[in-house]
Amino acid sequence: NAEYMGVVARFQLAGAHLTMAYPYYCEPFVKFPKYHPPAPGEEMIDPRKKLEPVCMSKCTNWVNEYNACVQRVRARTDGRGNCQGQYEELGMCIDHCVAKDLFKYLK
């Protein structure tokens, strides 16, 4: 406690004010979904795996862009280049598509 007071005194001498960076606001009316444990013998299935093929068909432009990049990189003989940008754009497109319907699968 004495160490803390020393830090406070140094801050006050420097002209700084001690305030919290982010104020805490209590939200008493926020409702969270209830937890429903899986039934015995029920296997958990990731709904994302069901939605990804549908979304892959909706993101055909990014799939084509990524495949074209892969072909260009494979055709190079110097081993340089990558398709990270196209891969990330494809992933974002799929994530955006999946996010719309993912929470419908929650119990």
N, C-alpha and C. Protein backbone atom coordinates (compact mmCIF):
# COMPACT_ATOMS: atom_id res chain seq x y z
N ASN A 1 0.83 -1.18 0.00
CA ASN A 1 0.00 0.00 0.00
C ASN A 1 0.88 1.25 0.00
N ALA A 2 1.98 1.22 0.74
CA ALA A 2 2.89 2.36 0.76
C ALA A 2 3.52 2.56 -0.62
N GLU A 3 3.81 1.45 -1.29
CA GLU A 3 4.40 1.54 -2.63
C GLU A 3 3.41 2.20 -3.59
N TYR A 4 2.13 1.83 -3.48
CA TYR A 4 1.09 2.40 -4.32
C TYR A 4 0.98 3.91 -4.07
N MET A 5 1.04 4.30 -2.81
CA MET A 5 0.94 5.72 -2.47
C MET A 5 2.14 6.49 -3.04
N GLY A 6 3.31 5.85 -3.07
CA GLY A 6 4.48 6.48 -3.66
C GLY A 6 4.29 6.71 -5.15
N VAL A 7 3.69 5.76 -5.83
CA VAL A 7 3.42 5.89 -7.26
C VAL A 7 2.42 7.01 -7.48
N VAL A 8 1.38 7.06 -6.65
CA VAL A 8 0.37 8.11 -6.77
C VAL A 8 1.01 9.48 -6.56
N ALA A 9 1.87 9.58 -5.57
CA ALA A 9 2.53 10.86 -5.29
C ALA A 9 3.39 11.27 -6.47
N ARG A 10 4.12 10.34 -7.09
CA ARG A 10 4.95 10.67 -8.25
C ARG A 10 4.10 11.15 -9.42
N PHE A 11 2.94 10.50 -9.63
CA PHE A 11 2.05 10.93 -10.71
C PHE A 11 1.51 12.32 -10.44
N GLN A 12 1.16 12.61 -9.18
CA GLN A 12 0.62 13.92 -8.85
C GLN A 12 1.69 15.00 -9.00
N LEU A 13 2.93 14.69 -8.66
CA LEU A 13 4.01 15.65 -8.84
C LEU A 13 4.25 15.93 -10.32
N ALA A 14 4.06 14.91 -11.15
CA ALA A 14 4.27 15.08 -12.59
C ALA A 14 3.10 15.78 -13.24
N GLY A 15 2.02 16.01 -12.50
CA GLY A 15 0.86 16.71 -13.06
C GLY A 15 -0.10 15.77 -13.75
N ALA A 16 0.09 14.47 -13.64
CA ALA A 16 -0.80 13.51 -14.29
C ALA A 16 -1.95 13.16 -13.35
N HIS A 17 -3.05 12.79 -13.91
CA HIS A 17 -4.21 12.39 -13.12
C HIS A 17 -4.39 10.88 -13.25
N LEU A 18 -4.74 10.24 -12.17
CA LEU A 18 -4.99 8.80 -12.20
C LEU A 18 -6.46 8.57 -12.48
N THR A 19 -6.76 8.10 -13.66
CA THR A 19 -8.13 7.75 -14.01
C THR A 19 -8.11 6.40 -14.70
N MET A 20 -9.23 5.74 -14.64
CA MET A 20 -9.35 4.46 -15.33
C MET A 20 -9.47 4.71 -16.82
N ALA A 21 -8.87 3.87 -17.60
CA ALA A 21 -8.91 4.03 -19.04
C ALA A 21 -10.32 3.81 -19.58
N TYR A 22 -10.99 2.76 -19.11
CA TYR A 22 -12.32 2.44 -19.59
C TYR A 22 -13.25 2.33 -18.39
N PRO A 23 -14.26 3.17 -18.30
CA PRO A 23 -15.16 3.08 -17.17
C PRO A 23 -16.00 1.81 -17.24
N TYR A 24 -16.34 1.28 -16.10
CA TYR A 24 -17.13 0.07 -16.02
C TYR A 24 -18.60 0.45 -15.91
N TYR A 25 -19.39 -0.04 -16.83
CA TYR A 25 -20.82 0.20 -16.78
C TYR A 25 -21.54 -1.12 -16.58
N CYS A 26 -22.34 -1.18 -15.58
CA CYS A 26 -23.11 -2.39 -15.29
C CYS A 26 -24.33 -2.41 -16.21
N GLU A 27 -24.58 -3.54 -16.84
CA GLU A 27 -25.73 -3.68 -17.71
C GLU A 27 -26.64 -4.76 -17.12
N PRO A 28 -27.55 -4.38 -16.24
CA PRO A 28 -28.35 -5.38 -15.52
C PRO A 28 -29.39 -6.10 -16.38
N PHE A 29 -29.78 -5.55 -17.52
CA PHE A 29 -30.84 -6.16 -18.29
C PHE A 29 -30.35 -6.97 -19.49
N VAL A 30 -29.06 -7.26 -19.54
CA VAL A 30 -28.51 -8.08 -20.61
C VAL A 30 -28.88 -9.53 -20.34
N LYS A 31 -29.45 -10.19 -21.34
CA LYS A 31 -29.84 -11.59 -21.18
C LYS A 31 -28.93 -12.46 -22.02
N PHE A 32 -28.36 -13.45 -21.38
CA PHE A 32 -27.50 -14.39 -22.07
C PHE A 32 -28.28 -15.68 -22.29
N PRO A 33 -28.00 -16.40 -23.38
CA PRO A 33 -28.72 -17.66 -23.61
C PRO A 33 -28.41 -18.70 -22.56
N LYS A 34 -29.39 -19.53 -22.25
CA LYS A 34 -29.20 -20.60 -21.27
C LYS A 34 -28.34 -21.70 -21.89
N TYR A 35 -27.59 -22.36 -21.04
CA TYR A 35 -26.76 -23.47 -21.49
C TYR A 35 -27.59 -24.74 -21.46
N HIS A 36 -27.62 -25.45 -22.57
CA HIS A 36 -28.30 -26.74 -22.65
C HIS A 36 -27.24 -27.79 -22.92
N PRO A 37 -26.94 -28.63 -21.93
CA PRO A 37 -25.92 -29.65 -22.17
C PRO A 37 -26.40 -30.66 -23.21
N PRO A 38 -25.47 -31.24 -23.97
CA PRO A 38 -25.88 -32.22 -24.98
C PRO A 38 -26.48 -33.46 -24.31
N ALA A 39 -27.43 -34.05 -24.99
CA ALA A 39 -28.07 -35.26 -24.48
C ALA A 39 -27.06 -36.41 -24.54
N PRO A 40 -27.19 -37.38 -23.66
CA PRO A 40 -26.27 -38.52 -23.70
C PRO A 40 -26.36 -39.22 -25.07
N GLY A 41 -25.22 -39.45 -25.65
CA GLY A 41 -25.16 -40.11 -26.95
C GLY A 41 -25.27 -39.15 -28.12
N GLU A 42 -25.61 -37.89 -27.86
CA GLU A 42 -25.72 -36.91 -28.93
C GLU A 42 -24.34 -36.38 -29.27
N GLU A 43 -23.99 -36.43 -30.53
CA GLU A 43 -22.68 -35.97 -30.95
C GLU A 43 -22.78 -34.51 -31.38
N MET A 44 -21.83 -33.72 -30.92
CA MET A 44 -21.81 -32.31 -31.27
C MET A 44 -21.31 -32.16 -32.71
N ILE A 45 -22.04 -31.42 -33.52
CA ILE A 45 -21.68 -31.18 -34.91
C ILE A 45 -21.45 -29.69 -35.08
N ASP A 46 -20.33 -29.33 -35.68
CA ASP A 46 -20.03 -27.93 -35.92
C ASP A 46 -20.90 -27.43 -37.07
N PRO A 47 -21.80 -26.47 -36.81
CA PRO A 47 -22.66 -25.99 -37.89
C PRO A 47 -21.89 -25.25 -38.98
N ARG A 48 -20.70 -24.78 -38.66
CA ARG A 48 -19.90 -24.09 -39.66
C ARG A 48 -19.54 -25.03 -40.81
N LYS A 49 -19.32 -26.30 -40.49
CA LYS A 49 -18.95 -27.27 -41.53
C LYS A 49 -20.10 -27.50 -42.51
N LYS A 50 -21.34 -27.32 -42.03
CA LYS A 50 -22.49 -27.44 -42.93
C LYS A 50 -22.63 -26.20 -43.81
N LEU A 51 -22.30 -25.04 -43.24
CA LEU A 51 -22.51 -23.78 -43.95
C LEU A 51 -21.39 -23.43 -44.92
N GLU A 52 -20.19 -23.91 -44.69
CA GLU A 52 -19.05 -23.53 -45.53
C GLU A 52 -19.23 -23.90 -47.00
N PRO A 53 -19.70 -25.11 -47.35
CA PRO A 53 -19.87 -25.40 -48.78
C PRO A 53 -20.86 -24.46 -49.47
N VAL A 54 -21.92 -24.09 -48.77
CA VAL A 54 -22.90 -23.16 -49.34
C VAL A 54 -22.25 -21.80 -49.56
N CYS A 55 -21.47 -21.38 -48.58
CA CYS A 55 -20.81 -20.07 -48.69
C CYS A 55 -19.69 -20.09 -49.72
N MET A 56 -19.05 -21.23 -49.89
CA MET A 56 -18.00 -21.34 -50.89
C MET A 56 -18.59 -21.09 -52.29
N SER A 57 -19.81 -21.55 -52.51
CA SER A 57 -20.44 -21.31 -53.81
C SER A 57 -20.83 -19.84 -53.98
N LYS A 58 -21.07 -19.14 -52.87
CA LYS A 58 -21.40 -17.71 -52.96
C LYS A 58 -20.16 -16.86 -53.15
N CYS A 59 -18.99 -17.38 -52.80
CA CYS A 59 -17.74 -16.62 -52.91
C CYS A 59 -16.93 -17.09 -54.11
N THR A 60 -17.58 -17.40 -55.20
CA THR A 60 -16.89 -17.97 -56.36
C THR A 60 -15.86 -17.00 -56.94
N ASN A 61 -16.12 -15.70 -56.86
CA ASN A 61 -15.13 -14.75 -57.40
C ASN A 61 -13.81 -14.87 -56.66
N TRP A 62 -13.87 -14.98 -55.32
CA TRP A 62 -12.63 -15.10 -54.54
C TRP A 62 -11.99 -16.47 -54.71
N VAL A 63 -12.81 -17.50 -54.90
CA VAL A 63 -12.25 -18.84 -55.15
C VAL A 63 -11.48 -18.83 -56.47
N ASN A 64 -12.07 -18.23 -57.49
CA ASN A 64 -11.41 -18.15 -58.80
C ASN A 64 -10.14 -17.31 -58.72
N GLU A 65 -10.20 -16.22 -57.97
CA GLU A 65 -9.01 -15.36 -57.81
C GLU A 65 -7.89 -16.12 -57.11
N TYR A 66 -8.24 -16.86 -56.07
CA TYR A 66 -7.23 -17.64 -55.33
C TYR A 66 -6.64 -18.74 -56.21
N ASN A 67 -7.49 -19.46 -56.93
CA ASN A 67 -7.01 -20.54 -57.80
C ASN A 67 -6.11 -20.00 -58.91
N ALA A 68 -6.45 -18.84 -59.46
CA ALA A 68 -5.60 -18.23 -60.49
C ALA A 68 -4.25 -17.85 -59.90
N CYS A 69 -4.24 -17.35 -58.69
CA CYS A 69 -2.98 -16.99 -58.04
C CYS A 69 -2.12 -18.23 -57.80
N VAL A 70 -2.75 -19.31 -57.36
CA VAL A 70 -2.01 -20.55 -57.12
C VAL A 70 -1.36 -21.03 -58.41
N GLN A 71 -2.10 -20.96 -59.49
CA GLN A 71 -1.55 -21.37 -60.79
C GLN A 71 -0.36 -20.49 -61.19
N ARG A 72 -0.47 -19.18 -60.96
CA ARG A 72 0.63 -18.27 -61.30
C ARG A 72 1.87 -18.57 -60.46
N VAL A 73 1.67 -18.82 -59.17
CA VAL A 73 2.81 -19.07 -58.29
C VAL A 73 3.46 -20.40 -58.65
N ARG A 74 2.66 -21.41 -58.96
CA ARG A 74 3.23 -22.72 -59.33
C ARG A 74 3.98 -22.65 -60.65
N ALA A 75 3.58 -21.74 -61.53
CA ALA A 75 4.23 -21.62 -62.83
C ALA A 75 5.59 -20.94 -62.74
N ARG A 76 5.83 -20.22 -61.66
CA ARG A 76 7.12 -19.54 -61.50
C ARG A 76 8.22 -20.56 -61.22
N THR A 77 9.38 -20.28 -61.75
CA THR A 77 10.50 -21.20 -61.53
C THR A 77 11.43 -20.75 -60.41
N ASP A 78 11.30 -19.49 -59.99
CA ASP A 78 12.20 -19.00 -58.94
C ASP A 78 11.69 -19.27 -57.53
N GLY A 79 10.48 -19.81 -57.39
CA GLY A 79 9.96 -20.16 -56.06
C GLY A 79 9.49 -18.98 -55.25
N ARG A 80 9.34 -17.83 -55.86
CA ARG A 80 8.90 -16.65 -55.13
C ARG A 80 7.41 -16.45 -55.32
N GLY A 81 6.84 -15.64 -54.45
CA GLY A 81 5.43 -15.29 -54.54
C GLY A 81 4.58 -16.16 -53.62
N ASN A 82 3.46 -15.59 -53.20
CA ASN A 82 2.49 -16.34 -52.41
C ASN A 82 1.10 -15.79 -52.67
N CYS A 83 0.12 -16.48 -52.19
CA CYS A 83 -1.28 -16.10 -52.42
C CYS A 83 -1.96 -15.78 -51.10
N GLN A 84 -1.21 -15.27 -50.15
CA GLN A 84 -1.76 -15.01 -48.83
C GLN A 84 -2.91 -14.00 -48.88
N GLY A 85 -2.76 -12.95 -49.66
CA GLY A 85 -3.81 -11.93 -49.76
C GLY A 85 -5.10 -12.49 -50.29
N GLN A 86 -5.01 -13.30 -51.35
CA GLN A 86 -6.22 -13.89 -51.93
C GLN A 86 -6.84 -14.91 -50.97
N TYR A 87 -5.99 -15.65 -50.26
CA TYR A 87 -6.49 -16.63 -49.30
C TYR A 87 -7.23 -15.93 -48.16
N GLU A 88 -6.68 -14.81 -47.68
CA GLU A 88 -7.34 -14.07 -46.60
C GLU A 88 -8.66 -13.47 -47.06
N GLU A 89 -8.70 -12.95 -48.28
CA GLU A 89 -9.95 -12.40 -48.81
C GLU A 89 -11.01 -13.49 -48.95
N LEU A 90 -10.60 -14.66 -49.41
CA LEU A 90 -11.53 -15.79 -49.51
C LEU A 90 -12.04 -16.18 -48.13
N GLY A 91 -11.14 -16.24 -47.15
CA GLY A 91 -11.54 -16.57 -45.78
C GLY A 91 -12.51 -15.55 -45.21
N MET A 92 -12.27 -14.26 -45.47
CA MET A 92 -13.17 -13.22 -44.97
C MET A 92 -14.54 -13.32 -45.63
N CYS A 93 -14.57 -13.63 -46.91
CA CYS A 93 -15.84 -13.79 -47.61
C CYS A 93 -16.64 -14.94 -47.01
N ILE A 94 -15.97 -16.06 -46.77
CA ILE A 94 -16.64 -17.22 -46.19
C ILE A 94 -17.10 -16.91 -44.76
N ASP A 95 -16.25 -16.27 -43.96
CA ASP A 95 -16.62 -15.90 -42.60
C ASP A 95 -17.83 -14.98 -42.57
N HIS A 96 -17.85 -14.01 -43.47
CA HIS A 96 -18.97 -13.07 -43.53
C HIS A 96 -20.27 -13.79 -43.88
N CYS A 97 -20.19 -14.72 -44.81
CA CYS A 97 -21.36 -15.48 -45.23
C CYS A 97 -21.83 -16.41 -44.12
N VAL A 98 -20.91 -17.10 -43.47
CA VAL A 98 -21.26 -18.05 -42.41
C VAL A 98 -21.84 -17.33 -41.20
N ALA A 99 -21.33 -16.14 -40.89
CA ALA A 99 -21.74 -15.42 -39.69
C ALA A 99 -23.23 -15.07 -39.71
N LYS A 100 -23.80 -14.87 -40.90
CA LYS A 100 -25.21 -14.51 -40.97
C LYS A 100 -26.10 -15.62 -40.44
N ASP A 101 -25.75 -16.87 -40.72
CA ASP A 101 -26.62 -17.99 -40.39
C ASP A 101 -26.15 -18.85 -39.24
N LEU A 102 -24.96 -18.61 -38.73
CA LEU A 102 -24.37 -19.48 -37.73
C LEU A 102 -25.18 -19.53 -36.43
N PHE A 103 -25.67 -18.40 -35.98
CA PHE A 103 -26.34 -18.34 -34.68
C PHE A 103 -27.76 -18.92 -34.72
N LYS A 104 -28.25 -19.21 -35.90
CA LYS A 104 -29.55 -19.89 -35.99
C LYS A 104 -29.46 -21.33 -35.50
N TYR A 105 -28.25 -21.87 -35.48
CA TYR A 105 -28.04 -23.26 -35.08
C TYR A 105 -27.85 -23.44 -33.58
N LEU A 106 -27.76 -22.34 -32.84
CA LEU A 106 -27.60 -22.45 -31.39
C LEU A 106 -28.90 -22.87 -30.74
N LYS A 107 -28.78 -23.65 -29.69
CA LYS A 107 -29.98 -24.11 -28.98
C LYS A 107 -30.43 -23.06 -28.01
